[in-house]
Amino acid sequence: MIQIKAKQQNVSFEKNVEKLAFVLSAHLYNTLDASKVIEEAAKRSGISVGVIKAAWDAAGEVIRTWATEGHNVPLPGLGSMRFGVRSKSVQNVEDVKTSLISARRVIFTPSKEVKEELQATKIAITCYDKDGKIVKRVTSADTNDVEDPEQENTSGGNTSGNGSGTQNGGQNGGDNTGDNGGNTGGDNGGGNGGDGPKDDED
């Protein structure tokens, strides 16, 4: 069961204007220490903790090295990982320079097995008002769709205004006050952008 919390909070960008909405986010119990994961893996495999830790450290070093060389590296039982960038696109080759890169990214692509496990897991939502009081509990009936990071460039729109749009839409698309897109994260992205550069992802 995946636990989600829906907390009522002010999403208005205007000073002295309150616009309350329930914002959903995953409820994380805690961050597991690597040693705990290694110990559990040792119990399940019958391999000593020392051997598991040595393999764990070696695999991590190999993954880091190969990923920074540009490879899409498999993560056993999970999927694959690669590095990419979020950047702006320009029309003229003379304008291509490293300052176009706005962020470096870690891109994880889940395996078929992980996607199926996630699809089969139920989601429970607990709703809290602005004072932290529980006002509702519900088991979601969503479509069980699993986001594919490799396909994210095909959705969303370009931002308007200063011409520095994004192809990702949703969380980054739209202006700051829009309900669909903007910083509050809708699904539809913003409107059509101007003539300036726009964000690309890889």
C-alpha atoms as a PDB file:
ATOM      1  CA  MET A   1       0.000   0.000   0.000  1.00  0.00           C
ATOM      2  CA  ILE A   2       1.417   3.366  -1.055  1.00  0.00           C
ATOM      3  CA  GLN A   3       0.548   6.100   1.432  1.00  0.00           C
ATOM      4  CA  ILE A   4      -0.252   9.530  -0.029  1.00  0.00           C
ATOM      5  CA  LYS A   5      -1.035  12.669   1.945  1.00  0.00           C
ATOM      6  CA  ALA A   6      -3.235  15.458   0.599  1.00  0.00           C
ATOM      7  CA  LYS A   7      -2.489  18.596   2.617  1.00  0.00           C
ATOM      8  CA  GLN A   8      -4.541  21.767   2.332  1.00  0.00           C
ATOM      9  CA  GLN A   9      -2.272  24.719   1.710  1.00  0.00           C
ATOM     10  CA  ASN A  10      -2.165  28.146   0.132  1.00  0.00           C
ATOM     11  CA  VAL A  11      -1.196  27.911  -3.553  1.00  0.00           C
ATOM     12  CA  SER A  12      -1.724  31.570  -4.409  1.00  0.00           C
ATOM     13  CA  PHE A  13       1.163  33.566  -5.845  1.00  0.00           C
ATOM     14  CA  GLU A  14      -0.533  36.875  -5.019  1.00  0.00           C
ATOM     15  CA  LYS A  15       0.393  38.718  -1.848  1.00  0.00           C
ATOM     16  CA  ASN A  16      -2.324  38.725   0.817  1.00  0.00           C
ATOM     17  CA  VAL A  17      -4.516  36.440  -1.332  1.00  0.00           C
ATOM     18  CA  GLU A  18      -5.309  32.980  -0.005  1.00  0.00           C
ATOM     19  CA  LYS A  19      -6.169  30.201  -2.443  1.00  0.00           C
ATOM     20  CA  LEU A  20      -6.460  26.883  -0.615  1.00  0.00           C
ATOM     21  CA  ALA A  21      -6.024  23.578  -2.417  1.00  0.00           C
ATOM     22  CA  PHE A  22      -5.238  20.013  -1.413  1.00  0.00           C
ATOM     23  CA  VAL A  23      -1.737  19.178  -2.650  1.00  0.00           C
ATOM     24  CA  LEU A  24      -0.817  15.499  -2.931  1.00  0.00           C
ATOM     25  CA  SER A  25       2.591  14.095  -2.067  1.00  0.00           C
ATOM     26  CA  ALA A  26       3.994  10.698  -1.130  1.00  0.00           C
ATOM     27  CA  HIS A  27       4.325   9.959   2.589  1.00  0.00           C
ATOM     28  CA  LEU A  28       7.820   8.612   3.270  1.00  0.00           C
ATOM     29  CA  TYR A  29       8.303   6.874   6.602  1.00  0.00           C
ATOM     30  CA  ASN A  30      12.069   7.252   6.649  1.00  0.00           C
ATOM     31  CA  THR A  31      15.170   6.899   4.512  1.00  0.00           C
ATOM     32  CA  LEU A  32      16.680   3.433   4.895  1.00  0.00           C
ATOM     33  CA  ASP A  33      20.377   3.186   5.633  1.00  0.00           C
ATOM     34  CA  ALA A  34      22.437   1.205   3.114  1.00  0.00           C
ATOM     35  CA  SER A  35      23.619  -1.168   5.858  1.00  0.00           C
ATOM     36  CA  LYS A  36      20.023  -2.206   6.577  1.00  0.00           C
ATOM     37  CA  VAL A  37      19.441  -3.022   2.913  1.00  0.00           C
ATOM     38  CA  ILE A  38      22.687  -5.003   2.765  1.00  0.00           C
ATOM     39  CA  GLU A  39      21.778  -6.989   5.885  1.00  0.00           C
ATOM     40  CA  GLU A  40      18.336  -7.856   4.492  1.00  0.00           C
ATOM     41  CA  ALA A  41      19.865  -8.896   1.148  1.00  0.00           C
ATOM     42  CA  ALA A  42      22.327 -11.132   3.015  1.00  0.00           C
ATOM     43  CA  LYS A  43      19.460 -12.831   4.885  1.00  0.00           C
ATOM     44  CA  ARG A  44      17.489 -13.451   1.703  1.00  0.00           C
ATOM     45  CA  SER A  45      20.436 -14.708  -0.341  1.00  0.00           C
ATOM     46  CA  GLY A  46      22.396 -16.658   2.256  1.00  0.00           C
ATOM     47  CA  ILE A  47      25.509 -14.684   1.283  1.00  0.00           C
ATOM     48  CA  SER A  48      27.584 -13.038   4.020  1.00  0.00           C
ATOM     49  CA  VAL A  49      27.141  -9.360   4.770  1.00  0.00           C
ATOM     50  CA  GLY A  50      30.807  -8.701   3.892  1.00  0.00           C
ATOM     51  CA  VAL A  51      30.466 -10.219   0.424  1.00  0.00           C
ATOM     52  CA  ILE A  52      27.187  -8.388  -0.245  1.00  0.00           C
ATOM     53  CA  LYS A  53      28.739  -5.068   0.855  1.00  0.00           C
ATOM     54  CA  ALA A  54      31.799  -5.598  -1.368  1.00  0.00           C
ATOM     55  CA  ALA A  55      29.546  -6.336  -4.346  1.00  0.00           C
ATOM     56  CA  TRP A  56      27.306  -3.368  -3.462  1.00  0.00           C
ATOM     57  CA  ASP A  57      30.267  -0.948  -3.344  1.00  0.00           C
ATOM     58  CA  ALA A  58      31.794  -2.336  -6.565  1.00  0.00           C
ATOM     59  CA  ALA A  59      28.477  -2.114  -8.440  1.00  0.00           C
ATOM     60  CA  GLY A  60      27.951   1.468  -7.267  1.00  0.00           C
ATOM     61  CA  GLU A  61      31.413   2.476  -8.463  1.00  0.00           C
ATOM     62  CA  VAL A  62      30.889   0.851 -11.862  1.00  0.00           C
ATOM     63  CA  ILE A  63      27.446   2.457 -12.276  1.00  0.00           C
ATOM     64  CA  ARG A  64      28.787   5.930 -11.443  1.00  0.00           C
ATOM     65  CA  THR A  65      31.757   5.546 -13.783  1.00  0.00           C
ATOM     66  CA  TRP A  66      29.822   4.207 -16.769  1.00  0.00           C
ATOM     67  CA  ALA A  67      26.896   6.610 -16.324  1.00  0.00           C
ATOM     68  CA  THR A  68      29.219   9.634 -16.362  1.00  0.00           C
ATOM     69  CA  GLU A  69      30.746   8.263 -19.566  1.00  0.00           C
ATOM     70  CA  GLY A  70      27.316   8.467 -21.197  1.00  0.00           C
ATOM     71  CA  HIS A  71      26.116   4.876 -20.846  1.00  0.00           C
ATOM     72  CA  ASN A  72      22.600   3.811 -19.876  1.00  0.00           C
ATOM     73  CA  VAL A  73      23.533   1.463 -17.021  1.00  0.00           C
ATOM     74  CA  PRO A  74      21.307  -1.434 -15.857  1.00  0.00           C
ATOM     75  CA  LEU A  75      20.324  -1.543 -12.180  1.00  0.00           C
ATOM     76  CA  PRO A  76      19.716  -5.217 -11.321  1.00  0.00           C
ATOM     77  CA  GLY A  77      16.045  -5.919 -10.696  1.00  0.00           C
ATOM     78  CA  LEU A  78      15.102  -2.242 -10.947  1.00  0.00           C
ATOM     79  CA  GLY A  79      15.658  -0.850 -14.436  1.00  0.00           C
ATOM     80  CA  SER A  80      18.359   1.441 -15.764  1.00  0.00           C
ATOM     81  CA  MET A  81      19.923   4.812 -15.030  1.00  0.00           C
ATOM     82  CA  ARG A  82      21.575   7.448 -17.137  1.00  0.00           C
ATOM     83  CA  PHE A  83      22.598  11.079 -16.821  1.00  0.00           C
ATOM     84  CA  GLY A  84      21.082  13.831 -18.911  1.00  0.00           C
ATOM     85  CA  VAL A  85      20.595  17.589 -18.985  1.00  0.00           C
ATOM     86  CA  ARG A  86      17.778  20.098 -18.997  1.00  0.00           C
ATOM     87  CA  SER A  87      18.667  22.871 -21.405  1.00  0.00           C
ATOM     88  CA  LYS A  88      17.382  25.577 -23.703  1.00  0.00           C
ATOM     89  CA  SER A  89      17.265  25.144 -27.477  1.00  0.00           C
ATOM     90  CA  VAL A  90      18.430  27.810 -29.919  1.00  0.00           C
ATOM     91  CA  GLN A  91      17.978  28.250 -33.665  1.00  0.00           C
ATOM     92  CA  ASN A  92      21.525  29.339 -34.556  1.00  0.00           C
ATOM     93  CA  VAL A  93      24.604  27.170 -34.086  1.00  0.00           C
ATOM     94  CA  GLU A  94      26.557  30.285 -33.053  1.00  0.00           C
ATOM     95  CA  ASP A  95      24.391  30.458 -29.935  1.00  0.00           C
ATOM     96  CA  VAL A  96      25.194  26.915 -28.758  1.00  0.00           C
ATOM     97  CA  LYS A  97      27.200  27.059 -25.516  1.00  0.00           C
ATOM     98  CA  THR A  98      27.311  25.357 -22.136  1.00  0.00           C
ATOM     99  CA  SER A  99      25.370  28.207 -20.511  1.00  0.00           C
ATOM    100  CA  LEU A 100      22.256  26.811 -22.241  1.00  0.00           C
ATOM    101  CA  ILE A 101      22.313  23.938 -19.716  1.00  0.00           C
ATOM    102  CA  SER A 102      20.039  24.795 -16.790  1.00  0.00           C
ATOM    103  CA  ALA A 103      20.351  21.516 -14.848  1.00  0.00           C
ATOM    104  CA  ARG A 104      22.041  18.133 -14.869  1.00  0.00           C
ATOM    105  CA  ARG A 105      19.683  15.211 -14.335  1.00  0.00           C
ATOM    106  CA  VAL A 106      19.637  11.611 -13.176  1.00  0.00           C
ATOM    107  CA  ILE A 107      17.110   9.681 -15.272  1.00  0.00           C
ATOM    108  CA  PHE A 108      15.839   6.365 -13.906  1.00  0.00           C
ATOM    109  CA  THR A 109      13.826   4.093 -16.176  1.00  0.00           C
ATOM    110  CA  PRO A 110      12.001   1.347 -14.260  1.00  0.00           C
ATOM    111  CA  SER A 111      12.008  -2.234 -15.490  1.00  0.00           C
ATOM    112  CA  LYS A 112       8.837  -3.989 -16.646  1.00  0.00           C
ATOM    113  CA  GLU A 113       8.719  -5.897 -13.346  1.00  0.00           C
ATOM    114  CA  VAL A 114       8.944  -2.706 -11.265  1.00  0.00           C
ATOM    115  CA  LYS A 115       6.217  -1.065 -13.358  1.00  0.00           C
ATOM    116  CA  GLU A 116       3.942  -4.075 -12.910  1.00  0.00           C
ATOM    117  CA  GLU A 117       4.571  -4.103  -9.152  1.00  0.00           C
ATOM    118  CA  LEU A 118       3.754  -0.404  -8.924  1.00  0.00           C
ATOM    119  CA  GLN A 119       0.623  -0.814 -11.036  1.00  0.00           C
ATOM    120  CA  ALA A 120      -0.613  -3.618  -8.776  1.00  0.00           C
ATOM    121  CA  THR A 121      -0.047  -1.652  -5.552  1.00  0.00           C
ATOM    122  CA  LYS A 122      -3.066   0.136  -4.067  1.00  0.00           C
ATOM    123  CA  ILE A 123      -2.865   3.782  -3.050  1.00  0.00           C
ATOM    124  CA  ALA A 124      -4.375   5.169   0.151  1.00  0.00           C
ATOM    125  CA  ILE A 125      -4.856   8.921   0.490  1.00  0.00           C
ATOM    126  CA  THR A 126      -5.146  10.743   3.821  1.00  0.00           C
ATOM    127  CA  CYS A 127      -6.464  14.308   3.619  1.00  0.00           C
ATOM    128  CA  TYR A 128      -5.355  16.998   6.073  1.00  0.00           C
ATOM    129  CA  ASP A 129      -6.799  20.488   6.457  1.00  0.00           C
ATOM    130  CA  LYS A 130      -4.565  23.555   6.808  1.00  0.00           C
ATOM    131  CA  ASP A 131      -4.344  22.973  10.574  1.00  0.00           C
ATOM    132  CA  GLY A 132      -3.095  19.399  10.152  1.00  0.00           C
ATOM    133  CA  LYS A 133      -6.381  17.735  11.118  1.00  0.00           C
ATOM    134  CA  ILE A 134      -7.377  14.574   9.217  1.00  0.00           C
ATOM    135  CA  VAL A 135     -10.611  15.272   7.343  1.00  0.00           C
ATOM    136  CA  LYS A 136     -10.870  12.297   4.981  1.00  0.00           C
ATOM    137  CA  ARG A 137      -9.335   8.959   4.056  1.00  0.00           C
ATOM    138  CA  VAL A 138      -9.837   7.340   0.668  1.00  0.00           C
ATOM    139  CA  THR A 139      -8.445   4.483  -1.413  1.00  0.00           C
ATOM    140  CA  SER A 140      -7.766   5.875  -4.851  1.00  0.00           C
ATOM    141  CA  ALA A 141      -9.293   4.536  -8.047  1.00  0.00           C
ATOM    142  CA  ASP A 142      -6.751   5.964 -10.466  1.00  0.00           C
ATOM    143  CA  THR A 143      -5.818   4.391 -13.816  1.00  0.00           C
ATOM    144  CA  ASN A 144      -2.632   2.808 -12.389  1.00  0.00           C
ATOM    145  CA  ASP A 145      -0.577   4.426 -15.130  1.00  0.00           C
ATOM    146  CA  VAL A 146       3.179   4.478 -14.508  1.00  0.00           C
ATOM    147  CA  GLU A 147       5.112   7.483 -15.803  1.00  0.00           C
ATOM    148  CA  ASP A 148       7.846   6.708 -18.306  1.00  0.00           C
ATOM    149  CA  PRO A 149      10.683   9.267 -18.065  1.00  0.00           C
ATOM    150  CA  GLU A 150      11.835   8.324 -21.561  1.00  0.00           C
ATOM    151  CA  GLN A 151       8.519   9.603 -22.973  1.00  0.00           C
ATOM    152  CA  GLU A 152       8.194  12.809 -20.952  1.00  0.00           C
ATOM    153  CA  ASN A 153       9.394  15.044 -23.813  1.00  0.00           C
ATOM    154  CA  THR A 154       6.249  14.299 -25.794  1.00  0.00           C
ATOM    155  CA  SER A 155       3.842  15.883 -23.289  1.00  0.00           C
ATOM    156  CA  GLY A 156       3.126  19.384 -22.111  1.00  0.00           C
ATOM    157  CA  GLY A 157       3.484  22.716 -23.838  1.00  0.00           C
ATOM    158  CA  ASN A 158       5.713  25.766 -24.034  1.00  0.00           C
ATOM    159  CA  THR A 159       5.577  28.615 -21.579  1.00  0.00           C
ATOM    160  CA  SER A 160       4.521  32.094 -22.521  1.00  0.00           C
ATOM    161  CA  GLY A 161       5.859  35.452 -21.446  1.00  0.00           C
ATOM    162  CA  ASN A 162       9.637  35.697 -21.512  1.00  0.00           C
ATOM    163  CA  GLY A 163      10.106  33.090 -24.244  1.00  0.00           C
ATOM    164  CA  SER A 164      12.010  30.628 -22.054  1.00  0.00           C
ATOM    165  CA  GLY A 165       9.488  27.818 -22.265  1.00  0.00           C
ATOM    166  CA  THR A 166       9.784  24.140 -21.515  1.00  0.00           C
ATOM    167  CA  GLN A 167       8.698  21.020 -23.356  1.00  0.00           C
ATOM    168  CA  ASN A 168       7.989  19.214 -20.133  1.00  0.00           C
ATOM    169  CA  GLY A 169       4.735  21.037 -19.355  1.00  0.00           C
ATOM    170  CA  GLY A 170       3.082  20.092 -16.083  1.00  0.00           C
ATOM    171  CA  GLN A 171       5.292  21.104 -13.208  1.00  0.00           C
ATOM    172  CA  ASN A 172       7.472  23.430 -15.277  1.00  0.00           C
ATOM    173  CA  GLY A 173       5.106  24.589 -18.014  1.00  0.00           C
ATOM    174  CA  GLY A 174       2.715  27.532 -17.924  1.00  0.00           C
ATOM    175  CA  ASP A 175       3.010  30.765 -16.058  1.00  0.00           C
ATOM    176  CA  ASN A 176       3.150  31.107 -12.303  1.00  0.00           C
ATOM    177  CA  THR A 177      -0.548  31.806 -11.894  1.00  0.00           C
ATOM    178  CA  GLY A 178      -2.095  29.270 -14.253  1.00  0.00           C
ATOM    179  CA  ASP A 179      -4.145  26.361 -12.934  1.00  0.00           C
ATOM    180  CA  ASN A 180      -3.021  24.066 -15.769  1.00  0.00           C
ATOM    181  CA  GLY A 181       0.740  24.085 -15.535  1.00  0.00           C
ATOM    182  CA  GLY A 182       2.760  26.705 -13.764  1.00  0.00           C
ATOM    183  CA  ASN A 183       4.635  26.046 -10.553  1.00  0.00           C
ATOM    184  CA  THR A 184       1.630  24.368  -8.989  1.00  0.00           C
ATOM    185  CA  GLY A 185       1.953  21.561 -11.525  1.00  0.00           C
ATOM    186  CA  GLY A 186      -1.006  20.856 -13.734  1.00  0.00           C
ATOM    187  CA  ASP A 187      -1.081  18.225 -16.453  1.00  0.00           C
ATOM    188  CA  ASN A 188      -1.621  20.379 -19.490  1.00  0.00           C
ATOM    189  CA  GLY A 189       1.382  22.680 -19.497  1.00  0.00           C
ATOM    190  CA  GLY A 190       1.172  26.338 -20.444  1.00  0.00           C
ATOM    191  CA  GLY A 191       0.263  28.224 -23.553  1.00  0.00           C
ATOM    192  CA  ASN A 192       2.332  28.672 -26.685  1.00  0.00           C
ATOM    193  CA  GLY A 193       5.621  30.406 -26.076  1.00  0.00           C
ATOM    194  CA  GLY A 194       7.248  33.368 -27.728  1.00  0.00           C
ATOM    195  CA  ASP A 195      10.235  33.383 -30.034  1.00  0.00           C
ATOM    196  CA  GLY A 196      12.854  32.911 -27.329  1.00  0.00           C
ATOM    197  CA  PRO A 197      14.740  29.684 -26.539  1.00  0.00           C
ATOM    198  CA  LYS A 198      12.914  26.821 -24.868  1.00  0.00           C
ATOM    199  CA  ASP A 199      13.917  24.064 -22.481  1.00  0.00           C
ATOM    200  CA  ASP A 200      14.805  20.666 -23.865  1.00  0.00           C
ATOM    201  CA  GLU A 201      15.509  17.513 -21.908  1.00  0.00           C
ATOM    202  CA  ASP A 202      17.866  14.648 -22.379  1.00  0.00           C
END
